[in-house]
Protein backbone atom coordinates (compact mmCIF):
# COMPACT_ATOMS: atom_id res chain seq x y z
CA MET A 1 -4.79 -23.43 -6.17
CA PHE A 2 -7.85 -21.36 -7.02
CA ASP A 3 -9.33 -23.57 -9.73
CA TRP A 4 -12.29 -24.40 -7.49
CA ILE A 5 -13.19 -20.71 -7.31
CA GLN A 6 -13.10 -20.44 -11.09
CA HIS A 7 -15.29 -23.52 -11.42
CA PHE A 8 -17.73 -22.03 -8.92
CA ALA A 9 -17.82 -18.71 -10.79
CA ASP A 10 -18.40 -20.51 -14.11
CA TRP A 11 -21.20 -22.60 -12.59
CA LEU A 12 -22.87 -19.64 -10.86
CA ILE A 13 -22.80 -17.22 -13.81
CA TYR A 14 -23.13 -19.51 -16.80
CA SER A 15 -25.31 -22.30 -15.38
CA VAL A 16 -27.32 -20.88 -12.47
CA PHE A 17 -27.92 -17.41 -13.93
CA GLY A 18 -27.75 -18.63 -17.52
CA ILE A 19 -25.65 -15.71 -18.78
CA GLY A 20 -23.62 -16.53 -21.86
CA ALA A 21 -19.85 -16.80 -21.51
CA GLU A 22 -19.40 -14.89 -24.74
CA THR A 23 -21.39 -11.85 -23.58
CA HIS A 24 -19.92 -8.71 -22.02
CA LEU A 25 -22.11 -9.15 -18.95
CA GLY A 26 -21.12 -12.79 -18.49
CA THR A 27 -17.42 -11.98 -18.76
CA ALA A 28 -17.72 -9.10 -16.31
CA LEU A 29 -19.75 -11.03 -13.70
CA ASN A 30 -17.49 -14.08 -13.91
CA PHE A 31 -14.47 -11.85 -13.32
CA PHE A 32 -16.23 -10.19 -10.37
CA VAL A 33 -17.23 -13.43 -8.60
CA TYR A 34 -13.85 -15.12 -9.11
CA ASP A 35 -11.71 -12.18 -8.05
CA THR A 36 -13.89 -11.21 -5.07
CA LEU A 37 -13.77 -14.67 -3.51
CA LYS A 38 -10.09 -15.19 -4.25
CA ILE A 39 -9.00 -11.79 -2.93
CA LEU A 40 -11.08 -11.96 0.27
CA ILE A 41 -9.69 -15.40 1.12
CA LEU A 42 -6.10 -14.31 0.48
CA LEU A 43 -6.72 -11.07 2.30
CA PHE A 44 -7.86 -12.71 5.53
CA VAL A 45 -5.02 -15.26 5.53
CA ILE A 46 -2.27 -12.70 4.97
CA VAL A 47 -3.77 -10.11 7.34
CA PHE A 48 -3.95 -12.83 9.99
CA LEU A 49 -0.29 -13.75 9.47
CA MET A 50 0.76 -10.09 9.58
CA GLY A 51 -1.32 -9.70 12.75
CA ILE A 52 0.91 -12.27 14.39
CA VAL A 53 3.96 -10.19 13.42
CA ASN A 54 2.35 -6.99 14.68
CA ALA A 55 1.44 -8.64 17.99
CA TYR A 56 5.11 -9.24 18.71
CA LEU A 57 6.32 -5.88 17.33
CA PRO A 58 4.05 -3.13 18.76
CA ILE A 59 4.79 0.49 17.91
CA GLU A 60 5.87 1.34 21.47
CA LYS A 61 8.54 -1.33 21.40
CA LEU A 62 9.71 -0.14 17.99
CA LYS A 63 9.98 3.44 19.27
CA ASP A 64 12.14 2.36 22.19
CA PHE A 65 14.29 0.16 19.96
CA LEU A 66 14.94 2.96 17.46
CA ASN A 67 15.61 5.55 20.16
CA ARG A 68 18.01 3.48 22.27
CA ARG A 69 20.26 1.87 19.68
CA LYS A 70 22.73 3.18 17.13
CA LEU A 71 21.85 1.17 14.05
CA TYR A 72 24.21 2.69 11.45
CA GLY A 73 21.44 3.44 8.96
CA LEU A 74 19.47 0.23 9.43
CA GLU A 75 16.82 2.20 11.33
CA TYR A 76 15.49 3.39 7.96
CA LEU A 77 15.14 -0.19 6.77
CA PHE A 78 13.46 -1.33 10.01
CA SER A 79 11.03 1.59 9.89
CA SER A 80 10.23 0.85 6.25
CA ILE A 81 9.59 -2.82 7.01
CA PHE A 82 7.32 -1.80 9.87
CA GLY A 83 5.47 0.43 7.42
CA ALA A 84 5.08 -2.50 5.04
CA ILE A 85 3.43 -4.75 7.64
CA THR A 86 0.97 -2.13 8.87
CA PRO A 87 -2.35 -2.21 6.97
CA PHE A 88 -2.84 1.52 6.39
CA CYS A 89 -3.59 3.79 3.45
CA SER A 90 -1.79 7.12 3.06
CA CYS A 91 -4.27 9.00 5.28
CA SER A 92 -4.36 6.29 7.95
CA SER A 93 -0.56 6.34 8.17
CA VAL A 94 -0.45 9.99 9.19
CA PRO A 95 -1.55 9.44 12.84
CA LEU A 96 1.22 6.87 13.30
CA PHE A 97 3.65 9.28 11.64
CA ILE A 98 2.62 11.89 14.20
CA GLY A 99 3.19 9.30 16.94
CA PHE A 100 6.70 8.68 15.63
CA VAL A 101 7.48 12.39 15.68
CA GLN A 102 6.03 12.75 19.18
CA GLY A 103 8.11 9.79 20.29
CA GLY A 104 11.29 11.58 19.28
CA ILE A 105 12.20 9.27 16.40
CA PRO A 106 14.36 11.10 13.80
CA LEU A 107 12.42 12.72 10.96
CA GLY A 108 14.08 10.67 8.22
CA VAL A 109 13.08 7.45 9.97
CA THR A 110 9.47 8.63 10.25
CA PHE A 111 9.51 9.44 6.53
CA ALA A 112 10.70 5.89 5.78
CA PHE A 113 7.59 4.62 7.55
CA LEU A 114 5.27 7.16 5.92
CA ILE A 115 6.49 6.34 2.41
CA THR A 116 6.26 2.57 2.70
CA SER A 117 3.12 2.13 4.79
CA PRO A 118 0.52 2.93 2.10
CA LEU A 119 2.62 1.51 -0.76
CA VAL A 120 3.10 -1.98 0.66
CA ASN A 121 0.72 -3.76 3.02
CA GLU A 122 -0.89 -7.14 3.43
CA VAL A 123 -3.94 -6.05 1.44
CA ALA A 124 -1.84 -5.20 -1.60
CA ILE A 125 0.35 -8.28 -1.18
CA ALA A 126 -2.62 -10.62 -0.94
CA MET A 127 -4.17 -9.14 -4.05
CA PHE A 128 -0.88 -9.09 -5.96
CA ILE A 129 -0.20 -12.76 -5.31
CA GLY A 130 -3.62 -13.68 -6.62
CA MET A 131 -3.49 -11.39 -9.65
CA PHE A 132 0.14 -11.18 -10.79
CA GLY A 133 1.97 -14.10 -9.21
CA LEU A 134 4.78 -14.47 -6.69
CA LYS A 135 7.61 -12.90 -8.74
CA ALA A 136 5.75 -9.65 -9.38
CA THR A 137 4.64 -9.55 -5.73
CA LEU A 138 8.19 -9.94 -4.40
CA ILE A 139 9.53 -7.27 -6.75
CA TYR A 140 6.68 -4.93 -5.84
CA ALA A 141 7.05 -5.45 -2.06
CA GLY A 142 10.85 -5.33 -2.12
CA SER A 143 10.93 -2.17 -4.18
CA GLY A 144 8.37 -0.49 -1.92
CA ILE A 145 10.50 -1.21 1.16
CA LEU A 146 13.63 -0.06 -0.68
CA LEU A 147 11.84 3.09 -1.79
CA GLY A 148 10.93 3.93 1.81
CA THR A 149 14.43 3.15 3.08
CA ILE A 150 16.27 5.27 0.51
CA GLY A 151 13.62 8.00 0.59
CA GLY A 152 13.80 8.30 4.38
CA TRP A 153 17.60 8.37 4.33
CA LEU A 154 17.67 10.97 1.54
CA LEU A 155 15.14 13.24 3.24
CA SER A 156 17.13 13.02 6.49
CA LYS A 157 20.07 14.71 4.71
CA PHE A 158 18.07 17.84 3.92
CA ASN A 159 17.86 19.14 7.53
CA LEU A 160 14.08 19.41 7.33
CA GLU A 161 13.35 19.68 11.06
CA PRO A 162 12.93 23.50 10.87
CA LEU A 163 10.11 22.90 8.36
CA LEU A 164 7.99 20.99 10.87
CA SER A 165 4.86 22.77 12.08
CA ASP A 166 4.92 24.94 15.21
CA TRP A 167 2.65 22.38 16.88
CA VAL A 168 5.27 19.64 16.47
CA LYS A 169 8.12 21.94 17.51
CA LYS A 170 6.27 22.74 20.72
CA ILE A 171 5.74 19.05 21.45
CA LEU A 172 9.41 18.28 20.87
CA ALA A 173 10.53 21.22 23.00
CA ASN A 174 8.41 20.08 25.95
CA LYS A 175 8.90 16.39 25.40
CA MET A 176 9.22 14.46 28.65
CA GLU A 177 11.11 11.23 29.06
CA GLN A 178 8.92 8.30 28.18
CA GLY A 179 8.52 5.48 30.66
CA GLU A 180 9.80 2.02 30.06
CA TYR A 181 7.70 -0.03 27.73
CA GLU A 182 6.34 -2.96 29.66
CA GLU A 183 5.85 -5.89 27.40
CA GLU A 184 2.85 -8.10 27.97
CA HIS A 185 4.03 -11.65 28.36
CA LEU A 186 1.17 -13.49 26.72
CA THR A 187 1.28 -16.90 25.13
CA PHE A 188 0.40 -17.31 21.46
CA ARG A 189 -2.85 -19.04 22.43
CA GLN A 190 -3.78 -16.04 24.59
CA ARG A 191 -2.99 -13.64 21.76
CA LEU A 192 -4.82 -15.68 19.08
CA PRO A 193 -8.38 -14.40 19.72
CA ASP A 194 -7.25 -10.77 19.54
CA ILE A 195 -5.20 -11.44 16.39
CA THR A 196 -8.15 -13.16 14.72
CA ARG A 197 -10.53 -10.41 15.75
CA ALA A 198 -8.16 -7.70 14.49
CA ALA A 199 -7.72 -9.52 11.17
CA TRP A 200 -11.48 -9.75 10.73
CA GLU A 201 -11.89 -6.05 11.58
CA ILE A 202 -9.31 -5.09 8.96
CA VAL A 203 -10.94 -7.27 6.30
CA ARG A 204 -14.38 -5.97 7.22
CA GLY A 205 -13.08 -2.41 7.02
CA VAL A 206 -11.74 -2.79 3.48
CA VAL A 207 -14.24 -5.25 2.00
CA ILE A 208 -16.36 -2.49 0.51
CA TYR A 209 -13.27 -1.09 -1.24
CA VAL A 210 -12.38 -4.54 -2.50
CA ILE A 211 -15.88 -5.03 -3.91
CA ILE A 212 -16.01 -1.56 -5.47
CA GLY A 213 -12.54 -1.92 -6.95
CA ILE A 214 -13.24 -5.35 -8.37
CA ALA A 215 -16.61 -4.17 -9.68
CA ILE A 216 -14.89 -1.35 -11.55
CA GLY A 217 -12.28 -3.76 -12.80
CA ALA A 218 -14.95 -6.26 -13.87
CA ALA A 219 -16.86 -3.58 -15.79
CA MET A 220 -13.67 -2.49 -17.52
CA HIS A 221 -12.71 -6.10 -18.19
CA GLY A 222 -16.05 -6.91 -19.77
CA TYR A 223 -16.90 -3.72 -21.62
CA VAL A 224 -13.78 -1.64 -22.33
CA PRO A 225 -12.24 -2.36 -25.77
CA GLU A 226 -9.02 -4.34 -25.73
CA ASN A 227 -6.82 -1.53 -27.05
CA PHE A 228 -8.27 1.40 -25.07
CA PHE A 229 -5.57 1.63 -22.36
CA GLY A 230 -2.83 0.16 -24.49
CA GLN A 231 -3.35 2.99 -26.96
CA TYR A 232 -2.33 5.63 -24.39
CA LEU A 233 -0.09 3.88 -21.87
CA GLY A 234 0.89 0.62 -23.52
CA GLY A 235 3.31 1.76 -26.20
CA GLY A 236 6.37 1.53 -23.99
CA GLN A 237 7.43 5.14 -24.69
CA TRP A 238 9.58 6.75 -22.01
CA TRP A 239 6.92 9.28 -21.14
CA THR A 240 4.16 6.79 -20.30
CA VAL A 241 5.49 6.10 -16.78
CA PRO A 242 5.75 9.74 -15.61
CA ILE A 243 2.39 10.55 -17.21
CA ALA A 244 0.77 7.63 -15.33
CA VAL A 245 2.28 8.75 -12.00
CA ILE A 246 1.50 12.45 -12.45
CA PHE A 247 -2.13 11.65 -13.22
CA ALA A 248 -2.27 9.28 -10.22
CA VAL A 249 -0.95 11.69 -7.56
CA PRO A 250 -4.09 13.91 -7.33
CA MET A 251 -6.28 10.80 -7.07
CA TYR A 252 -6.97 8.91 -3.85
CA ALA A 253 -7.62 5.21 -3.31
CA ASN A 254 -6.30 2.41 -1.16
CA ALA A 255 -4.70 -0.76 -2.44
CA ALA A 256 -7.93 -2.76 -2.10
CA GLY A 257 -9.68 -0.44 -4.50
CA ILE A 258 -6.97 0.18 -7.08
CA VAL A 259 -5.25 -3.22 -7.53
CA PRO A 260 -8.21 -4.78 -9.41
CA VAL A 261 -8.24 -1.76 -11.69
CA ILE A 262 -4.56 -2.04 -12.61
CA GLN A 263 -5.10 -5.75 -13.28
CA VAL A 264 -7.42 -4.66 -16.06
CA PHE A 265 -4.89 -2.07 -17.22
CA VAL A 266 -2.41 -4.90 -17.69
CA ALA A 267 -4.99 -7.10 -19.42
CA LYS A 268 -5.68 -4.23 -21.83
CA GLY A 269 -2.03 -3.82 -22.82
CA VAL A 270 -0.47 -1.48 -20.24
CA PRO A 271 3.00 -2.71 -19.11
CA LEU A 272 2.90 -4.07 -15.57
CA GLY A 273 5.58 -1.65 -14.37
CA THR A 274 3.64 1.36 -15.64
CA ALA A 275 0.47 0.05 -14.00
CA ILE A 276 2.24 -0.51 -10.66
CA ALA A 277 3.72 2.99 -10.80
CA PHE A 278 0.20 4.34 -11.32
CA MET A 279 -1.01 2.35 -8.31
CA MET A 280 1.86 3.57 -6.13
CA GLY A 281 1.11 7.16 -7.04
CA THR A 282 -2.55 6.67 -6.21
CA VAL A 283 -2.14 4.92 -2.84
CA GLY A 284 1.10 6.58 -1.71
CA LEU A 285 0.34 10.25 -2.35
CA SER A 286 -2.97 12.04 -2.15
CA ILE A 287 -4.57 15.42 -1.51
CA PRO A 288 -6.31 14.14 1.68
CA GLU A 289 -2.92 12.96 2.96
CA ALA A 290 -1.40 16.39 2.26
CA THR A 291 -4.26 18.00 4.18
CA LEU A 292 -3.62 15.80 7.21
CA LEU A 293 0.12 16.40 7.02
CA LYS A 294 -0.45 20.14 7.37
CA LYS A 295 -0.81 19.40 11.10
CA VAL A 296 2.84 18.35 11.31
CA MET A 297 4.55 19.88 8.26
CA SER A 298 4.87 23.25 6.59
CA LEU A 299 3.70 23.54 2.98
CA LYS A 300 7.31 23.61 1.80
CA LEU A 301 8.08 20.33 3.55
CA ILE A 302 4.97 18.69 2.07
CA VAL A 303 6.04 19.80 -1.43
CA ILE A 304 9.55 18.41 -0.88
CA TYR A 305 8.16 15.12 0.42
CA PHE A 306 5.67 14.72 -2.44
CA GLY A 307 8.30 15.70 -5.03
CA VAL A 308 10.91 13.20 -3.81
CA VAL A 309 8.43 10.32 -3.55
CA THR A 310 6.95 11.10 -6.99
CA LEU A 311 10.40 10.96 -8.59
CA PHE A 312 11.15 7.70 -6.78
CA ILE A 313 7.91 6.12 -7.97
CA ILE A 314 8.61 7.16 -11.58
CA PHE A 315 12.06 5.61 -11.35
CA SER A 316 10.53 2.45 -9.86
CA GLY A 317 8.11 2.25 -12.79
CA TYR A 318 11.01 2.11 -15.23
CA VAL A 319 12.72 -0.57 -13.11
CA PHE A 320 9.50 -2.62 -12.93
CA ASN A 321 9.15 -2.54 -16.72
CA ILE A 322 12.70 -3.85 -17.07
CA LEU A 323 12.36 -6.62 -14.48
CA LEU A 324 8.79 -7.65 -15.30
């Protein structure tokens, strides 16, 4: 499917620029050109398709749907799926989380969204398909949605509402009835320009992260010794997964920046499950996210949330290593 991109990269680096294929620089630049073109093409296509989904499932409609119906636990799954199809990093998800809380959606349901949104999105899916294949992508996306669903349900059992910030409590106390959501009845052809424009804006917004991430990955691919990462995280010992996640949590990156890096981890001998767990810790939990959450949560609630999600990601890493 992408052979033409590889041929182009080979021609550009080895023929046009005359850099040897056996050199570190040639290997790194070839990797950079191939992965950049492939990922940007996949990214636009999948973001465009997800834009179609988002156009017919706006957040206001979702709020009304979740508030009006008794769904017997499926609301956690629906919220998690909605999180998966929204193209946000952990920090970008917080404003929508606040909107959920303001809209009166139960706290556990909002947590299901907050957990899944940065872990699984069209950026990560597009890059995963190109780098690791369909099976790994389906396992990764499915586990991310399951993680959000179970995490949101579990957190809902802890009666955490008293741990919300005073600002949120005041909003909920004074909350007025929302008006009916009036759906715009537009044809697909009428929606298409806005969907295309939104897809382009998303791609344009993350392209710098894609380039930086792939550049880092290319440098590691071309210059880092084969056994460097495998020596520390590639032995398959039980402790490699929690170590990878614990080191990832204080870091901050979005999927566009970190996926090319974990591709190199895998190429250097790190098990795919361990690498994915590292990525989930990096994109799903971060210090900037915790800072933003202080607006809606007490410190105790943030610690509980981070602790539960960290344990879930570690468990997922073990499952990934078994399945992949």
